[in-house]
Amino acid sequence: MNDALNLEHISPQRRNLALLGDKGRISSIYKDCWVNYPQVSSIRTAVRAVYEMPPKTQAQCILISGRPGMGKTSLFERVQLDMDSLRKRHVDSYGYISFSLSPNPSLRGFEESISEALGVPIGKICNGLVPEAFCRLAQLRSMRLVLIDEVHNLLNAGRVDQRKNLAFLRALSSPPMSLSIIAFGVDDAVHAISSDAQLERRFQIYDLPRWKENESFRSFLAGYESALPLRRPSELWRQEKVKFLLSITGGITDAIVKRITRGAVWAILDRKEEIDLDCLEKAADIPPYLDRLDHEE
């Protein structure tokens, strides 16, 4: 069967999926799939560079922000994998912790999140100062980074708690700890950080904007298509499909991915094996589960 098919439009590591039956291919289509593209690649590279930097008095920090649905959480998870990979590769690697900020942030919430990430209590945060137990543990583990998701939740706190929270983040990125904070959040995250001028200066800000009709978007579409186990090329990068996807999704990554994955399932169910405009239009609805799939060998 492999000899009869030209699967060059699929990335080599996923071509075997195109040889599965319809049920197996549909299942693989619905699984989360990471697609690297220039913008997120540059962010990942920047985080790795910060991880490898010699300690600085005031640590270099990064804020990644974007509208909901632009892939921020997927990127957060990918950065975690990057850090794990770096640590396995180097014997004398540096440590990091990661957590998501509570919807109702407080210093107590920071204590609980960091203690859970470390696996041991860190003590009480007083006057924005880092607990001594946390300082010692961070030193023992050669800690360099703190990854924080949902950092926009800082804005949910009252004014007094906001000041305390920001003072604590400032202390984390100052001596004696000098930890680099890699923060992720929706657009409001920029406002949360910028309300403290001292802290804001330490952050390099990266934005994940809505998609537009450009080469970067075509590259993303081509990359996503190469992960789909369809037996014919869909050429999602063609202008008519690019315009349709942007017009129907507003350029939001999550909505685009839903259209493409559902369109790919429709392409299998309709025996087309490629995503055409009709498949993308039908993808407004979730494709039905067909009984014939239960009888596959």
C-alpha atoms as a PDB file:
ATOM      1  CA  MET A   1       0.000   0.000   0.000  1.00  0.00           C
ATOM      2  CA  ASN A   2       2.888   2.321   0.798  1.00  0.00           C
ATOM      3  CA  ASP A   3       4.299   1.796  -2.713  1.00  0.00           C
ATOM      4  CA  ALA A   4       0.988   2.816  -4.277  1.00  0.00           C
ATOM      5  CA  LEU A   5       0.779   6.089  -2.371  1.00  0.00           C
ATOM      6  CA  ASN A   6       2.801   9.261  -2.727  1.00  0.00           C
ATOM      7  CA  LEU A   7       2.998  10.590   0.829  1.00  0.00           C
ATOM      8  CA  GLU A   8       5.701  13.205   0.340  1.00  0.00           C
ATOM      9  CA  HIS A   9       3.288  15.925   1.492  1.00  0.00           C
ATOM     10  CA  ILE A  10       3.351  14.349   5.000  1.00  0.00           C
ATOM     11  CA  SER A  11       6.331  14.757   7.323  1.00  0.00           C
ATOM     12  CA  PRO A  12       8.443  11.554   7.310  1.00  0.00           C
ATOM     13  CA  GLN A  13       7.829  10.733  10.980  1.00  0.00           C
ATOM     14  CA  ARG A  14       4.038  10.771  10.446  1.00  0.00           C
ATOM     15  CA  ARG A  15       3.694   9.024   7.086  1.00  0.00           C
ATOM     16  CA  ASN A  16       2.977   5.692   8.725  1.00  0.00           C
ATOM     17  CA  LEU A  17      -0.253   7.193  10.110  1.00  0.00           C
ATOM     18  CA  ALA A  18      -1.577   7.607   6.556  1.00  0.00           C
ATOM     19  CA  LEU A  19      -1.469   3.813   6.190  1.00  0.00           C
ATOM     20  CA  LEU A  20      -3.932   3.282   9.045  1.00  0.00           C
ATOM     21  CA  GLY A  21      -7.627   2.719   8.522  1.00  0.00           C
ATOM     22  CA  ASP A  22     -10.086   5.603   8.666  1.00  0.00           C
ATOM     23  CA  LYS A  23     -10.764   5.181  12.387  1.00  0.00           C
ATOM     24  CA  GLY A  24      -7.072   5.216  13.295  1.00  0.00           C
ATOM     25  CA  ARG A  25      -6.379   8.236  11.100  1.00  0.00           C
ATOM     26  CA  ILE A  26      -9.291  10.199  12.507  1.00  0.00           C
ATOM     27  CA  SER A  27      -8.115   9.435  16.032  1.00  0.00           C
ATOM     28  CA  SER A  28      -4.619  10.728  15.205  1.00  0.00           C
ATOM     29  CA  ILE A  29      -6.058  13.889  13.647  1.00  0.00           C
ATOM     30  CA  TYR A  30      -7.913  14.765  16.828  1.00  0.00           C
ATOM     31  CA  LYS A  31      -4.818  14.395  19.025  1.00  0.00           C
ATOM     32  CA  ASP A  32      -3.029  17.609  19.990  1.00  0.00           C
ATOM     33  CA  CYS A  33      -0.275  18.387  17.531  1.00  0.00           C
ATOM     34  CA  TRP A  34       2.562  20.881  17.951  1.00  0.00           C
ATOM     35  CA  VAL A  35       3.603  22.849  14.856  1.00  0.00           C
ATOM     36  CA  ASN A  36       6.734  24.932  15.092  1.00  0.00           C
ATOM     37  CA  TYR A  37       6.784  28.210  13.140  1.00  0.00           C
ATOM     38  CA  PRO A  38       9.205  31.158  13.076  1.00  0.00           C
ATOM     39  CA  GLN A  39       7.518  33.284  15.742  1.00  0.00           C
ATOM     40  CA  VAL A  40       7.291  30.603  18.434  1.00  0.00           C
ATOM     41  CA  SER A  41      10.689  29.250  17.409  1.00  0.00           C
ATOM     42  CA  SER A  42      12.270  32.650  18.181  1.00  0.00           C
ATOM     43  CA  ILE A  43      10.546  32.723  21.585  1.00  0.00           C
ATOM     44  CA  ARG A  44      11.759  29.231  22.451  1.00  0.00           C
ATOM     45  CA  THR A  45      15.272  30.210  21.370  1.00  0.00           C
ATOM     46  CA  ALA A  46      15.129  33.334  23.564  1.00  0.00           C
ATOM     47  CA  VAL A  47      14.056  31.306  26.605  1.00  0.00           C
ATOM     48  CA  ARG A  48      16.885  28.837  26.052  1.00  0.00           C
ATOM     49  CA  ALA A  49      19.331  31.751  25.757  1.00  0.00           C
ATOM     50  CA  VAL A  50      18.130  33.200  29.071  1.00  0.00           C
ATOM     51  CA  TYR A  51      18.436  29.755  30.669  1.00  0.00           C
ATOM     52  CA  GLU A  52      22.088  29.547  29.585  1.00  0.00           C
ATOM     53  CA  MET A  53      23.034  33.134  30.566  1.00  0.00           C
ATOM     54  CA  PRO A  54      25.492  33.675  33.415  1.00  0.00           C
ATOM     55  CA  PRO A  55      23.750  35.002  36.554  1.00  0.00           C
ATOM     56  CA  LYS A  56      22.945  38.720  36.407  1.00  0.00           C
ATOM     57  CA  THR A  57      22.287  41.098  39.278  1.00  0.00           C
ATOM     58  CA  GLN A  58      18.885  41.851  37.805  1.00  0.00           C
ATOM     59  CA  ALA A  59      17.784  38.768  35.912  1.00  0.00           C
ATOM     60  CA  GLN A  60      16.624  38.954  32.307  1.00  0.00           C
ATOM     61  CA  CYS A  61      12.909  38.138  32.197  1.00  0.00           C
ATOM     62  CA  ILE A  62      10.494  37.397  29.350  1.00  0.00           C
ATOM     63  CA  LEU A  63       6.759  37.985  28.963  1.00  0.00           C
ATOM     64  CA  ILE A  64       4.812  36.176  26.234  1.00  0.00           C
ATOM     65  CA  SER A  65       1.335  37.593  25.689  1.00  0.00           C
ATOM     66  CA  GLY A  66      -1.477  37.152  23.210  1.00  0.00           C
ATOM     67  CA  ARG A  67      -5.229  36.996  22.804  1.00  0.00           C
ATOM     68  CA  PRO A  68      -7.025  33.896  24.155  1.00  0.00           C
ATOM     69  CA  GLY A  69      -6.760  31.037  21.684  1.00  0.00           C
ATOM     70  CA  MET A  70      -3.412  32.071  20.178  1.00  0.00           C
ATOM     71  CA  GLY A  71      -1.551  29.024  21.495  1.00  0.00           C
ATOM     72  CA  LYS A  72      -0.036  30.528  24.644  1.00  0.00           C
ATOM     73  CA  THR A  73      -0.654  27.481  26.849  1.00  0.00           C
ATOM     74  CA  SER A  74       0.661  25.071  24.197  1.00  0.00           C
ATOM     75  CA  LEU A  75       3.806  27.193  23.967  1.00  0.00           C
ATOM     76  CA  PHE A  76       4.128  27.173  27.770  1.00  0.00           C
ATOM     77  CA  GLU A  77       4.050  23.361  27.718  1.00  0.00           C
ATOM     78  CA  ARG A  78       6.558  23.266  24.864  1.00  0.00           C
ATOM     79  CA  VAL A  79       8.965  25.518  26.783  1.00  0.00           C
ATOM     80  CA  GLN A  80       8.689  23.161  29.758  1.00  0.00           C
ATOM     81  CA  LEU A  81       9.664  20.268  27.461  1.00  0.00           C
ATOM     82  CA  ASP A  82      12.574  22.343  26.143  1.00  0.00           C
ATOM     83  CA  MET A  83      13.846  22.901  29.680  1.00  0.00           C
ATOM     84  CA  ASP A  84      13.500  19.209  30.543  1.00  0.00           C
ATOM     85  CA  SER A  85      15.409  18.314  27.391  1.00  0.00           C
ATOM     86  CA  LEU A  86      18.226  20.738  28.222  1.00  0.00           C
ATOM     87  CA  ARG A  87      18.516  19.377  31.751  1.00  0.00           C
ATOM     88  CA  LYS A  88      18.781  15.785  30.504  1.00  0.00           C
ATOM     89  CA  ARG A  89      21.406  16.777  27.956  1.00  0.00           C
ATOM     90  CA  HIS A  90      23.742  18.502  30.441  1.00  0.00           C
ATOM     91  CA  VAL A  91      24.974  16.878  33.643  1.00  0.00           C
ATOM     92  CA  ASP A  92      25.583  20.243  35.331  1.00  0.00           C
ATOM     93  CA  SER A  93      22.287  21.725  34.165  1.00  0.00           C
ATOM     94  CA  TYR A  94      20.270  24.393  35.948  1.00  0.00           C
ATOM     95  CA  GLY A  95      16.936  23.921  37.644  1.00  0.00           C
ATOM     96  CA  TYR A  96      13.570  25.565  37.064  1.00  0.00           C
ATOM     97  CA  ILE A  97      10.053  25.490  38.469  1.00  0.00           C
ATOM     98  CA  SER A  98       6.730  26.113  36.731  1.00  0.00           C
ATOM     99  CA  PHE A  99       3.200  26.797  37.865  1.00  0.00           C
ATOM    100  CA  SER A 100       0.011  28.598  36.868  1.00  0.00           C
ATOM    101  CA  LEU A 101      -1.080  31.674  38.770  1.00  0.00           C
ATOM    102  CA  SER A 102      -4.319  31.286  40.703  1.00  0.00           C
ATOM    103  CA  PRO A 103      -7.392  33.229  39.465  1.00  0.00           C
ATOM    104  CA  ASN A 104      -7.380  34.925  42.886  1.00  0.00           C
ATOM    105  CA  PRO A 105      -3.668  35.597  43.393  1.00  0.00           C
ATOM    106  CA  SER A 106      -2.207  36.355  46.789  1.00  0.00           C
ATOM    107  CA  LEU A 107       1.154  35.857  48.465  1.00  0.00           C
ATOM    108  CA  ARG A 108      -0.336  32.799  50.132  1.00  0.00           C
ATOM    109  CA  GLY A 109      -1.189  31.491  46.655  1.00  0.00           C
ATOM    110  CA  PHE A 110       2.406  32.057  45.541  1.00  0.00           C
ATOM    111  CA  GLU A 111       3.656  30.153  48.591  1.00  0.00           C
ATOM    112  CA  GLU A 112       1.382  27.193  47.827  1.00  0.00           C
ATOM    113  CA  SER A 113       2.161  27.121  44.084  1.00  0.00           C
ATOM    114  CA  ILE A 114       5.936  27.296  44.561  1.00  0.00           C
ATOM    115  CA  SER A 115       5.884  24.764  47.404  1.00  0.00           C
ATOM    116  CA  GLU A 116       3.894  22.356  45.220  1.00  0.00           C
ATOM    117  CA  ALA A 117       6.281  22.859  42.286  1.00  0.00           C
ATOM    118  CA  LEU A 118       9.310  22.204  44.526  1.00  0.00           C
ATOM    119  CA  GLY A 119       7.739  19.390  46.503  1.00  0.00           C
ATOM    120  CA  VAL A 120       8.583  21.004  49.856  1.00  0.00           C
ATOM    121  CA  PRO A 121       7.240  23.992  51.850  1.00  0.00           C
ATOM    122  CA  ILE A 122       9.082  27.263  51.226  1.00  0.00           C
ATOM    123  CA  GLY A 123       7.912  29.168  54.295  1.00  0.00           C
ATOM    124  CA  LYS A 124       5.979  32.399  54.556  1.00  0.00           C
ATOM    125  CA  ILE A 125       6.487  35.388  52.227  1.00  0.00           C
ATOM    126  CA  CYS A 126       6.680  38.544  54.333  1.00  0.00           C
ATOM    127  CA  ASN A 127       6.862  42.124  53.000  1.00  0.00           C
ATOM    128  CA  GLY A 128       7.567  40.821  49.497  1.00  0.00           C
ATOM    129  CA  LEU A 129      10.776  39.123  50.655  1.00  0.00           C
ATOM    130  CA  VAL A 130      11.724  35.650  49.471  1.00  0.00           C
ATOM    131  CA  PRO A 131      11.635  33.071  52.313  1.00  0.00           C
ATOM    132  CA  GLU A 132      15.083  31.919  53.418  1.00  0.00           C
ATOM    133  CA  ALA A 133      14.121  28.257  52.895  1.00  0.00           C
ATOM    134  CA  PHE A 134      13.296  28.975  49.254  1.00  0.00           C
ATOM    135  CA  CYS A 135      16.617  30.809  48.769  1.00  0.00           C
ATOM    136  CA  ARG A 136      18.591  27.862  50.144  1.00  0.00           C
ATOM    137  CA  LEU A 137      16.689  25.308  48.113  1.00  0.00           C
ATOM    138  CA  ALA A 138      17.012  27.334  44.896  1.00  0.00           C
ATOM    139  CA  GLN A 139      20.765  27.524  45.490  1.00  0.00           C
ATOM    140  CA  LEU A 140      21.048  23.790  46.124  1.00  0.00           C
ATOM    141  CA  ARG A 141      19.142  23.016  42.921  1.00  0.00           C
ATOM    142  CA  SER A 142      21.037  25.599  40.841  1.00  0.00           C
ATOM    143  CA  MET A 143      17.738  27.183  39.902  1.00  0.00           C
ATOM    144  CA  ARG A 144      17.701  29.669  37.020  1.00  0.00           C
ATOM    145  CA  LEU A 145      14.108  30.008  35.777  1.00  0.00           C
ATOM    146  CA  VAL A 146      10.577  30.424  37.081  1.00  0.00           C
ATOM    147  CA  LEU A 147       7.899  29.706  34.459  1.00  0.00           C
ATOM    148  CA  ILE A 148       4.527  31.266  35.310  1.00  0.00           C
ATOM    149  CA  ASP A 149       1.372  30.758  33.249  1.00  0.00           C
ATOM    150  CA  GLU A 150      -1.792  32.894  33.527  1.00  0.00           C
ATOM    151  CA  VAL A 151       0.228  35.847  34.855  1.00  0.00           C
ATOM    152  CA  HIS A 152      -2.594  38.217  33.813  1.00  0.00           C
ATOM    153  CA  ASN A 153      -4.419  36.959  36.922  1.00  0.00           C
ATOM    154  CA  LEU A 154      -2.259  39.425  38.857  1.00  0.00           C
ATOM    155  CA  LEU A 155      -4.854  42.024  37.862  1.00  0.00           C
ATOM    156  CA  ASN A 156      -7.586  40.136  39.754  1.00  0.00           C
ATOM    157  CA  ALA A 157      -6.052  41.070  43.100  1.00  0.00           C
ATOM    158  CA  GLY A 158      -6.854  44.264  44.959  1.00  0.00           C
ATOM    159  CA  ARG A 159      -4.451  47.185  44.722  1.00  0.00           C
ATOM    160  CA  VAL A 160      -2.603  46.320  47.952  1.00  0.00           C
ATOM    161  CA  ASP A 161      -2.233  42.648  47.015  1.00  0.00           C
ATOM    162  CA  GLN A 162      -1.113  43.626  43.516  1.00  0.00           C
ATOM    163  CA  ARG A 163       1.726  45.695  44.970  1.00  0.00           C
ATOM    164  CA  LYS A 164       2.754  42.832  47.258  1.00  0.00           C
ATOM    165  CA  ASN A 165       2.666  40.294  44.410  1.00  0.00           C
ATOM    166  CA  LEU A 166       4.734  42.491  42.109  1.00  0.00           C
ATOM    167  CA  ALA A 167       7.207  43.212  44.905  1.00  0.00           C
ATOM    168  CA  PHE A 168       7.636  39.462  45.356  1.00  0.00           C
ATOM    169  CA  LEU A 169       8.264  38.945  41.615  1.00  0.00           C
ATOM    170  CA  ARG A 170      10.768  41.781  41.749  1.00  0.00           C
ATOM    171  CA  ALA A 171      12.497  40.066  44.678  1.00  0.00           C
ATOM    172  CA  LEU A 172      12.645  36.762  42.777  1.00  0.00           C
ATOM    173  CA  SER A 173      14.501  38.443  39.907  1.00  0.00           C
ATOM    174  CA  SER A 174      16.854  40.387  42.236  1.00  0.00           C
ATOM    175  CA  PRO A 175      19.786  39.267  44.417  1.00  0.00           C
ATOM    176  CA  PRO A 176      20.314  36.924  46.131  1.00  0.00           C
ATOM    177  CA  MET A 177      18.082  34.778  43.888  1.00  0.00           C
ATOM    178  CA  SER A 178      18.231  36.634  40.543  1.00  0.00           C
ATOM    179  CA  LEU A 179      15.855  34.152  38.903  1.00  0.00           C
ATOM    180  CA  SER A 180      14.674  34.805  35.362  1.00  0.00           C
ATOM    181  CA  ILE A 181      10.881  34.930  35.225  1.00  0.00           C
ATOM    182  CA  ILE A 182       9.326  33.566  32.020  1.00  0.00           C
ATOM    183  CA  ALA A 183       5.697  34.685  32.185  1.00  0.00           C
ATOM    184  CA  PHE A 184       2.790  33.800  29.914  1.00  0.00           C
ATOM    185  CA  GLY A 185      -0.597  35.499  29.759  1.00  0.00           C
ATOM    186  CA  VAL A 186      -3.281  37.129  27.642  1.00  0.00           C
ATOM    187  CA  ASP A 187      -2.942  40.735  26.466  1.00  0.00           C
ATOM    188  CA  ASP A 188      -3.726  42.094  29.929  1.00  0.00           C
ATOM    189  CA  ALA A 189      -0.520  40.489  31.211  1.00  0.00           C
ATOM    190  CA  VAL A 190       1.412  43.463  29.826  1.00  0.00           C
ATOM    191  CA  HIS A 191      -0.642  45.820  32.001  1.00  0.00           C
ATOM    192  CA  ALA A 192      -0.046  43.619  35.044  1.00  0.00           C
ATOM    193  CA  ILE A 193       3.728  43.806  34.667  1.00  0.00           C
ATOM    194  CA  SER A 194       3.907  47.443  33.515  1.00  0.00           C
ATOM    195  CA  SER A 195       2.253  48.693  36.693  1.00  0.00           C
ATOM    196  CA  ASP A 196       5.653  48.221  38.377  1.00  0.00           C
ATOM    197  CA  ALA A 197       8.260  50.292  36.510  1.00  0.00           C
ATOM    198  CA  GLN A 198      11.241  48.546  38.112  1.00  0.00           C
ATOM    199  CA  LEU A 199       9.903  45.115  37.221  1.00  0.00           C
ATOM    200  CA  GLU A 200       8.825  46.125  33.711  1.00  0.00           C
ATOM    201  CA  ARG A 201      12.388  47.114  32.755  1.00  0.00           C
ATOM    202  CA  ARG A 202      13.553  43.539  33.306  1.00  0.00           C
ATOM    203  CA  PHE A 203      11.070  42.052  30.823  1.00  0.00           C
ATOM    204  CA  GLN A 204      11.539  41.464  27.111  1.00  0.00           C
ATOM    205  CA  ILE A 205       7.993  41.285  25.719  1.00  0.00           C
ATOM    206  CA  TYR A 206       6.933  38.937  22.918  1.00  0.00           C
ATOM    207  CA  ASP A 207       3.475  39.154  21.399  1.00  0.00           C
ATOM    208  CA  LEU A 208       1.450  36.407  19.718  1.00  0.00           C
ATOM    209  CA  PRO A 209      -0.738  38.494  17.375  1.00  0.00           C
ATOM    210  CA  ARG A 210      -3.694  37.315  15.311  1.00  0.00           C
ATOM    211  CA  TRP A 211      -2.706  35.660  12.063  1.00  0.00           C
ATOM    212  CA  LYS A 212      -2.637  37.695   8.865  1.00  0.00           C
ATOM    213  CA  GLU A 213      -2.227  36.773   5.218  1.00  0.00           C
ATOM    214  CA  ASN A 214       1.547  36.499   5.033  1.00  0.00           C
ATOM    215  CA  GLU A 215       4.339  33.969   4.556  1.00  0.00           C
ATOM    216  CA  SER A 216       4.447  33.183   8.268  1.00  0.00           C
ATOM    217  CA  PHE A 217       0.808  32.067   8.190  1.00  0.00           C
ATOM    218  CA  ARG A 218       1.331  30.040   5.015  1.00  0.00           C
ATOM    219  CA  SER A 219       4.310  28.380   6.670  1.00  0.00           C
ATOM    220  CA  PHE A 220       2.161  27.507   9.696  1.00  0.00           C
ATOM    221  CA  LEU A 221      -0.551  26.021   7.453  1.00  0.00           C
ATOM    222  CA  ALA A 222       1.978  23.999   5.483  1.00  0.00           C
ATOM    223  CA  GLY A 223       3.481  22.710   8.728  1.00  0.00           C
ATOM    224  CA  TYR A 224       0.102  21.702  10.106  1.00  0.00           C
ATOM    225  CA  GLU A 225      -0.903  20.022   6.862  1.00  0.00           C
ATOM    226  CA  SER A 226       2.304  17.951   6.902  1.00  0.00           C
ATOM    227  CA  ALA A 227       1.148  16.407  10.205  1.00  0.00           C
ATOM    228  CA  LEU A 228      -2.244  15.273   8.857  1.00  0.00           C
ATOM    229  CA  PRO A 229      -2.561  11.633   7.653  1.00  0.00           C
ATOM    230  CA  LEU A 230      -4.478  12.481   4.461  1.00  0.00           C
ATOM    231  CA  ARG A 231      -3.438  10.592   1.345  1.00  0.00           C
ATOM    232  CA  ARG A 232      -3.561  13.582  -0.980  1.00  0.00           C
ATOM    233  CA  PRO A 233      -2.058  17.084  -0.502  1.00  0.00           C
ATOM    234  CA  SER A 234      -4.555  19.755   0.563  1.00  0.00           C
ATOM    235  CA  GLU A 235      -2.355  22.774  -0.210  1.00  0.00           C
ATOM    236  CA  LEU A 236      -3.863  24.817   2.614  1.00  0.00           C
ATOM    237  CA  TRP A 237      -1.419  27.600   1.795  1.00  0.00           C
ATOM    238  CA  ARG A 238      -3.294  28.474  -1.406  1.00  0.00           C
ATOM    239  CA  GLN A 239      -4.789  31.973  -1.396  1.00  0.00           C
ATOM    240  CA  GLU A 240      -8.466  30.988  -1.496  1.00  0.00           C
ATOM    241  CA  LYS A 241      -8.045  28.719   1.552  1.00  0.00           C
ATOM    242  CA  VAL A 242      -5.905  31.260   3.408  1.00  0.00           C
ATOM    243  CA  LYS A 243      -8.519  33.969   2.893  1.00  0.00           C
ATOM    244  CA  PHE A 244     -11.358  31.660   3.917  1.00  0.00           C
ATOM    245  CA  LEU A 245      -9.623  30.535   7.127  1.00  0.00           C
ATOM    246  CA  LEU A 246      -8.753  34.084   8.155  1.00  0.00           C
ATOM    247  CA  SER A 247     -12.235  35.421   7.423  1.00  0.00           C
ATOM    248  CA  ILE A 248     -14.025  32.662   9.316  1.00  0.00           C
ATOM    249  CA  THR A 249     -11.712  32.505  12.362  1.00  0.00           C
ATOM    250  CA  GLY A 250     -10.570  36.095  12.851  1.00  0.00           C
ATOM    251  CA  GLY A 251      -6.969  34.859  12.753  1.00  0.00           C
ATOM    252  CA  ILE A 252      -7.224  33.004  16.094  1.00  0.00           C
ATOM    253  CA  THR A 253      -5.010  29.908  16.189  1.00  0.00           C
ATOM    254  CA  ASP A 254      -7.422  27.709  18.150  1.00  0.00           C
ATOM    255  CA  ALA A 255     -10.286  28.400  15.734  1.00  0.00           C
ATOM    256  CA  ILE A 256      -8.023  27.792  12.722  1.00  0.00           C
ATOM    257  CA  VAL A 257      -6.820  24.454  14.098  1.00  0.00           C
ATOM    258  CA  LYS A 258     -10.407  23.349  14.803  1.00  0.00           C
ATOM    259  CA  ARG A 259     -11.392  24.158  11.205  1.00  0.00           C
ATOM    260  CA  ILE A 260      -8.433  22.295   9.771  1.00  0.00           C
ATOM    261  CA  THR A 261      -8.761  19.191  11.963  1.00  0.00           C
ATOM    262  CA  ARG A 262     -12.511  18.919  11.404  1.00  0.00           C
ATOM    263  CA  GLY A 263     -11.954  19.594   7.703  1.00  0.00           C
ATOM    264  CA  ALA A 264      -9.425  16.746   7.621  1.00  0.00           C
ATOM    265  CA  VAL A 265     -11.956  14.373   9.205  1.00  0.00           C
ATOM    266  CA  TRP A 266     -14.588  15.426   6.675  1.00  0.00           C
ATOM    267  CA  ALA A 267     -12.032  14.773   3.921  1.00  0.00           C
ATOM    268  CA  ILE A 268     -11.747  11.167   5.134  1.00  0.00           C
ATOM    269  CA  LEU A 269     -15.474  10.642   5.664  1.00  0.00           C
ATOM    270  CA  ASP A 270     -16.301  12.092   2.226  1.00  0.00           C
ATOM    271  CA  ARG A 271     -13.574   9.947   0.586  1.00  0.00           C
ATOM    272  CA  LYS A 272     -11.769  13.023  -0.745  1.00  0.00           C
ATOM    273  CA  GLU A 273      -8.479  12.559   1.139  1.00  0.00           C
ATOM    274  CA  GLU A 274      -7.764  16.291   0.850  1.00  0.00           C
ATOM    275  CA  ILE A 275      -9.200  19.361   2.562  1.00  0.00           C
ATOM    276  CA  ASP A 276     -11.046  21.461   0.004  1.00  0.00           C
ATOM    277  CA  LEU A 277     -13.165  24.560   0.624  1.00  0.00           C
ATOM    278  CA  ASP A 278     -16.279  22.414   0.993  1.00  0.00           C
ATOM    279  CA  CYS A 279     -14.583  20.455   3.806  1.00  0.00           C
ATOM    280  CA  LEU A 280     -13.574  23.701   5.526  1.00  0.00           C
ATOM    281  CA  GLU A 281     -17.148  25.014   5.275  1.00  0.00           C
ATOM    282  CA  LYS A 282     -18.594  21.784   6.679  1.00  0.00           C
ATOM    283  CA  ALA A 283     -16.015  21.971   9.487  1.00  0.00           C
ATOM    284  CA  ALA A 284     -18.175  24.602  11.199  1.00  0.00           C
ATOM    285  CA  ASP A 285     -19.824  21.519  12.739  1.00  0.00           C
ATOM    286  CA  ILE A 286     -18.244  18.532  14.450  1.00  0.00           C
ATOM    287  CA  PRO A 287     -18.099  15.656  11.954  1.00  0.00           C
ATOM    288  CA  PRO A 288     -20.436  12.771  12.824  1.00  0.00           C
ATOM    289  CA  TYR A 289     -19.216   9.433  14.104  1.00  0.00           C
ATOM    290  CA  LEU A 290     -20.051   6.841  11.458  1.00  0.00           C
ATOM    291  CA  ASP A 291     -20.916   3.264  12.388  1.00  0.00           C
ATOM    292  CA  ARG A 292     -18.862   1.907   9.497  1.00  0.00           C
ATOM    293  CA  LEU A 293     -15.706   2.786  11.421  1.00  0.00           C
ATOM    294  CA  ASP A 294     -16.544   0.098  14.018  1.00  0.00           C
ATOM    295  CA  HIS A 295     -16.201  -2.633  11.385  1.00  0.00           C
ATOM    296  CA  GLU A 296     -12.646  -1.806  10.341  1.00  0.00           C
ATOM    297  CA  GLU A 297     -10.037  -4.539  10.630  1.00  0.00           C
END
